Amino acid sequence: QVQLVQSGGGLVQPGGSLGLSCGASGRISQIGVMGWYRQAPGKQRELVADITSGGSTNYDDSVKGRFTISRDSAKNTVYLQMNSLKPDDTALYYCKMNIRGPVVFSDYWGQGTQVTVSA
């Protein structure tokens, strides 16, 4: 079985910074794309950023220049550094990884971490 465990997040004032991390464990032979998604109350879950195994990154326009996604493939871990946070960034943040176990690739999700930006 594969498990993703997230850490980080919390409450921060507007303009502040937070970091998230997500590590995968279990029967893993290869990890493809790693990503971060978020879901605000009453809204659909949306992609925040993702990163390929080769290190290519993709960001939603709303976070470009403020958030940075990175990965440590040796540790099966993905990170999200969030700077210049705004109240609109408040949401439940989820990591997702496309992981190959014994045979096929499947998508796995973390448990979710609350990020609240408020004065």
Protein backbone atom coordinates (compact mmCIF):
# COMPACT_ATOMS: atom_id res chain seq x y z
CA GLN A 1 0.00 0.00 0.00
CA VAL A 2 1.02 3.60 -0.57
CA GLN A 3 0.42 6.40 1.90
CA LEU A 4 0.93 10.15 1.59
CA VAL A 5 1.37 12.14 4.79
CA GLN A 6 1.24 15.93 4.81
CA SER A 7 2.68 18.38 7.33
CA GLY A 8 2.83 22.13 7.72
CA GLY A 9 0.14 24.71 7.21
CA GLY A 10 -1.73 26.62 9.90
CA LEU A 11 -2.74 30.21 10.54
CA VAL A 12 -0.78 33.18 9.19
CA GLN A 13 -1.36 36.89 8.72
CA PRO A 14 -1.67 38.37 5.22
CA GLY A 15 1.77 38.82 3.72
CA GLY A 16 3.20 35.99 5.75
CA SER A 17 4.75 32.69 4.70
CA LEU A 18 4.05 29.03 5.28
CA GLY A 19 5.53 25.78 4.06
CA LEU A 20 3.89 22.46 3.31
CA SER A 21 5.47 19.07 2.83
CA CYS A 22 4.13 15.71 1.71
CA GLY A 23 5.97 12.42 1.91
CA ALA A 24 5.07 9.11 0.31
CA SER A 25 5.77 5.69 1.75
CA GLY A 26 4.95 2.10 0.89
CA ARG A 27 5.44 -0.04 -2.20
CA ILE A 28 6.83 2.58 -4.56
CA SER A 29 8.89 1.84 -7.63
CA GLN A 30 8.55 5.20 -9.37
CA ILE A 31 6.89 8.58 -8.85
CA GLY A 32 5.81 10.76 -11.74
CA VAL A 33 4.11 14.10 -11.30
CA MET A 34 3.77 15.51 -7.80
CA GLY A 35 1.33 18.31 -7.16
CA TRP A 36 -0.52 20.51 -4.72
CA TYR A 37 -4.23 21.25 -4.92
CA ARG A 38 -6.51 23.33 -2.76
CA GLN A 39 -10.19 23.52 -2.01
CA ALA A 40 -11.86 26.52 -0.44
CA PRO A 41 -15.31 26.26 1.16
CA GLY A 42 -18.01 26.07 -1.49
CA LYS A 43 -15.50 25.80 -4.33
CA GLN A 44 -14.08 23.07 -6.52
CA ARG A 45 -10.68 21.59 -5.81
CA GLU A 46 -8.11 23.33 -8.00
CA LEU A 47 -4.51 22.77 -9.02
CA VAL A 48 -2.06 25.08 -7.30
CA ALA A 49 1.20 23.76 -8.71
CA ASP A 50 2.81 20.58 -9.94
CA ILE A 51 6.26 19.32 -10.77
CA THR A 52 7.38 16.52 -13.06
CA SER A 53 10.02 13.92 -12.31
CA GLY A 54 12.35 15.99 -14.48
CA GLY A 55 11.75 19.11 -12.41
CA SER A 56 9.49 21.04 -14.77
CA THR A 57 6.99 23.13 -12.83
CA ASN A 58 3.54 24.49 -13.53
CA TYR A 59 1.68 27.08 -11.44
CA ASP A 60 -1.81 28.47 -11.34
CA ASP A 61 -1.72 32.14 -12.34
CA SER A 62 -3.00 33.18 -8.93
CA VAL A 63 0.13 31.91 -7.16
CA LYS A 64 2.86 32.60 -9.70
CA GLY A 65 5.72 34.53 -8.17
CA ARG A 66 4.52 33.79 -4.64
CA PHE A 67 4.54 29.99 -4.31
CA THR A 68 7.37 27.59 -5.08
CA ILE A 69 6.98 23.86 -5.55
CA SER A 70 9.96 21.54 -5.20
CA ARG A 71 10.63 17.86 -4.76
CA ASP A 72 13.20 15.56 -3.24
CA SER A 73 12.84 12.39 -5.26
CA ALA A 74 15.25 10.48 -3.02
CA LYS A 75 12.89 11.13 -0.11
CA ASN A 76 9.65 10.75 -2.11
CA THR A 77 8.68 14.18 -0.86
CA VAL A 78 7.14 17.28 -2.38
CA TYR A 79 7.21 20.75 -0.85
CA LEU A 80 5.25 23.94 -1.30
CA GLN A 81 6.70 27.21 -0.06
CA MET A 82 4.03 29.90 0.13
CA ASN A 83 5.06 33.54 0.44
CA SER A 84 3.11 36.81 0.37
CA LEU A 85 0.00 34.93 1.41
CA LYS A 86 -3.41 36.48 0.83
CA PRO A 87 -6.79 35.79 2.42
CA ASP A 88 -7.87 34.23 -0.90
CA ASP A 89 -5.22 31.53 -0.34
CA THR A 90 -7.24 30.20 2.57
CA ALA A 91 -8.19 26.62 1.78
CA LEU A 92 -7.63 22.98 2.54
CA TYR A 93 -4.45 21.99 0.70
CA TYR A 94 -3.91 18.49 -0.66
CA CYS A 95 -0.87 16.86 -2.21
CA LYS A 96 -1.21 14.37 -5.01
CA MET A 97 1.35 12.00 -6.51
CA ASN A 98 1.22 9.74 -9.53
CA ILE A 99 2.94 6.63 -8.20
CA ARG A 100 3.89 3.35 -9.75
CA GLY A 101 3.63 0.43 -7.37
CA PRO A 102 4.35 -3.13 -8.48
CA VAL A 103 2.81 -2.69 -11.93
CA VAL A 104 0.80 0.40 -12.80
CA PHE A 105 0.70 4.13 -12.04
CA SER A 106 -2.10 5.41 -9.82
CA ASP A 107 -2.94 8.73 -8.23
CA TYR A 108 -2.67 9.05 -4.46
CA TRP A 109 -3.79 11.92 -2.25
CA GLY A 110 -2.62 13.27 1.07
CA GLN A 111 -4.98 13.78 4.00
CA GLY A 112 -5.31 17.54 3.57
CA THR A 113 -3.87 20.45 5.55
CA GLN A 114 -5.67 23.64 6.47
CA VAL A 115 -4.09 26.96 5.52
CA THR A 116 -5.80 30.05 6.90
CA VAL A 117 -4.68 33.56 6.01
CA SER A 118 -6.29 36.11 8.29
CA ALA A 119 -5.48 39.19 10.29
